[in-house]
């Protein structure tokens, strides 16, 4: 297998981090950055914490891809209807 580009910044490569999505050219897991976003960290702070290895655009792409994945799979995670 080879590197798969999920976007301009997000890639998967079986040789890097067991094939989990990372930011291109890094070993920074997309999931780790999305957790920081979910925790409410400012994107500028996230970029600083990763010493500039990722950009605002890279974070935005990860958020967009996550939104798409959620919308495509939301029905799999639904707890059921609220109707009695």
C-alpha atoms as a PDB file:
ATOM      1  CA  UNK A   1       0.000   0.000   0.000  1.00  0.00           C
ATOM      2  CA  UNK A   2       1.025   3.592  -0.453  1.00  0.00           C
ATOM      3  CA  UNK A   3       0.201   7.009   0.857  1.00  0.00           C
ATOM      4  CA  UNK A   4      -3.409   8.029   0.278  1.00  0.00           C
ATOM      5  CA  UNK A   5      -4.278  11.697   0.145  1.00  0.00           C
ATOM      6  CA  UNK A   6      -7.568  12.458   1.860  1.00  0.00           C
ATOM      7  CA  UNK A   7      -7.087  16.098   1.022  1.00  0.00           C
ATOM      8  CA  UNK A   8      -4.222  18.500   0.527  1.00  0.00           C
ATOM      9  CA  UNK A   9      -3.004  18.168   4.131  1.00  0.00           C
ATOM     10  CA  UNK A  10      -4.454  14.934   5.525  1.00  0.00           C
ATOM     11  CA  UNK A  11      -2.941  11.624   4.459  1.00  0.00           C
ATOM     12  CA  UNK A  12      -2.832   7.981   5.454  1.00  0.00           C
ATOM     13  CA  UNK A  13       0.258   5.841   5.052  1.00  0.00           C
ATOM     14  CA  UNK A  14       0.561   2.298   6.404  1.00  0.00           C
ATOM     15  CA  UNK A  15       4.202   3.043   7.253  1.00  0.00           C
ATOM     16  CA  UNK A  16       3.328   6.057   9.432  1.00  0.00           C
ATOM     17  CA  UNK A  17       1.330   5.783  12.665  1.00  0.00           C
ATOM     18  CA  UNK A  18      -0.168   2.423  11.612  1.00  0.00           C
ATOM     19  CA  UNK A  19      -2.038   4.046   8.735  1.00  0.00           C
ATOM     20  CA  UNK A  20      -4.072   6.426  10.901  1.00  0.00           C
ATOM     21  CA  UNK A  21      -4.752   9.855   9.358  1.00  0.00           C
ATOM     22  CA  UNK A  22      -1.885  12.288   9.897  1.00  0.00           C
ATOM     23  CA  UNK A  23      -0.950  15.672   8.558  1.00  0.00           C
ATOM     24  CA  UNK A  24       1.197  15.402   5.440  1.00  0.00           C
ATOM     25  CA  UNK A  25       4.900  15.375   6.200  1.00  0.00           C
ATOM     26  CA  UNK A  26       4.381  14.821   9.944  1.00  0.00           C
ATOM     27  CA  UNK A  27       3.534  12.119  12.432  1.00  0.00           C
ATOM     28  CA  UNK A  28       0.881  14.344  13.983  1.00  0.00           C
ATOM     29  CA  UNK A  29      -2.364  12.428  14.273  1.00  0.00           C
ATOM     30  CA  UNK A  30      -5.418  14.227  12.957  1.00  0.00           C
ATOM     31  CA  UNK A  31      -7.384  12.765  15.881  1.00  0.00           C
ATOM     32  CA  UNK A  32      -5.077  14.500  18.371  1.00  0.00           C
ATOM     33  CA  UNK A  33      -5.591  17.887  16.732  1.00  0.00           C
ATOM     34  CA  UNK A  34      -9.351  17.367  16.468  1.00  0.00           C
ATOM     35  CA  UNK A  35      -9.404  16.608  20.190  1.00  0.00           C
ATOM     36  CA  UNK A  36      -7.660  19.919  20.826  1.00  0.00           C
ATOM     37  CA  UNK A  37     -10.241  21.673  18.648  1.00  0.00           C
ATOM     38  CA  UNK A  38     -13.054  19.928  20.563  1.00  0.00           C
ATOM     39  CA  UNK A  39     -11.475  21.006  23.844  1.00  0.00           C
ATOM     40  CA  UNK A  40     -11.826  24.600  22.668  1.00  0.00           C
ATOM     41  CA  UNK A  41      -8.178  25.461  22.126  1.00  0.00           C
ATOM     42  CA  UNK A  42      -7.633  28.380  19.784  1.00  0.00           C
ATOM     43  CA  UNK A  43      -6.281  27.219  16.449  1.00  0.00           C
ATOM     44  CA  UNK A  44      -3.328  29.563  16.846  1.00  0.00           C
ATOM     45  CA  UNK A  45      -2.492  27.827  20.137  1.00  0.00           C
ATOM     46  CA  UNK A  46      -2.743  24.412  18.483  1.00  0.00           C
ATOM     47  CA  UNK A  47      -0.371  25.528  15.739  1.00  0.00           C
ATOM     48  CA  UNK A  48       2.063  26.847  18.348  1.00  0.00           C
ATOM     49  CA  UNK A  49       1.880  23.631  20.385  1.00  0.00           C
ATOM     50  CA  UNK A  50       2.826  21.642  17.282  1.00  0.00           C
ATOM     51  CA  UNK A  51       5.658  24.140  16.646  1.00  0.00           C
ATOM     52  CA  UNK A  52       4.237  25.299  13.348  1.00  0.00           C
ATOM     53  CA  UNK A  53       4.260  21.797  11.831  1.00  0.00           C
ATOM     54  CA  UNK A  54       0.607  22.235  10.879  1.00  0.00           C
ATOM     55  CA  UNK A  55      -1.215  25.252   9.544  1.00  0.00           C
ATOM     56  CA  UNK A  56      -4.589  26.902   9.963  1.00  0.00           C
ATOM     57  CA  UNK A  57      -5.532  25.492   6.543  1.00  0.00           C
ATOM     58  CA  UNK A  58      -4.553  21.971   7.621  1.00  0.00           C
ATOM     59  CA  UNK A  59      -6.730  22.184  10.735  1.00  0.00           C
ATOM     60  CA  UNK A  60      -9.627  23.538   8.671  1.00  0.00           C
ATOM     61  CA  UNK A  61      -9.296  20.628   6.239  1.00  0.00           C
ATOM     62  CA  UNK A  62      -9.319  18.126   9.119  1.00  0.00           C
ATOM     63  CA  UNK A  63     -12.467  19.725  10.536  1.00  0.00           C
ATOM     64  CA  UNK A  64     -14.162  19.660   7.103  1.00  0.00           C
ATOM     65  CA  UNK A  65     -13.235  16.001   6.574  1.00  0.00           C
ATOM     66  CA  UNK A  66     -14.523  15.156  10.047  1.00  0.00           C
ATOM     67  CA  UNK A  67     -17.799  16.923   9.332  1.00  0.00           C
ATOM     68  CA  UNK A  68     -18.198  14.994   6.107  1.00  0.00           C
ATOM     69  CA  UNK A  69     -17.394  11.659   7.815  1.00  0.00           C
ATOM     70  CA  UNK A  70     -19.857  12.424  10.602  1.00  0.00           C
ATOM     71  CA  UNK A  71     -22.661  13.353   8.223  1.00  0.00           C
ATOM     72  CA  UNK A  72     -22.029  10.261   6.104  1.00  0.00           C
ATOM     73  CA  UNK A  73     -22.073   7.954   9.145  1.00  0.00           C
ATOM     74  CA  UNK A  74     -24.350   9.691  11.670  1.00  0.00           C
ATOM     75  CA  UNK A  75     -27.057   7.050  11.328  1.00  0.00           C
ATOM     76  CA  UNK A  76     -24.614   4.407  12.620  1.00  0.00           C
ATOM     77  CA  UNK A  77     -24.203   6.315  15.873  1.00  0.00           C
ATOM     78  CA  UNK A  78     -27.785   7.387  16.522  1.00  0.00           C
ATOM     79  CA  UNK A  79     -29.190   6.235  19.869  1.00  0.00           C
ATOM     80  CA  UNK A  80     -32.683   5.814  18.505  1.00  0.00           C
ATOM     81  CA  UNK A  81     -35.667   8.058  18.320  1.00  0.00           C
ATOM     82  CA  UNK A  82     -36.931  10.104  21.236  1.00  0.00           C
ATOM     83  CA  UNK A  83     -40.526   9.084  20.493  1.00  0.00           C
ATOM     84  CA  UNK A  84     -42.177   6.783  23.034  1.00  0.00           C
END
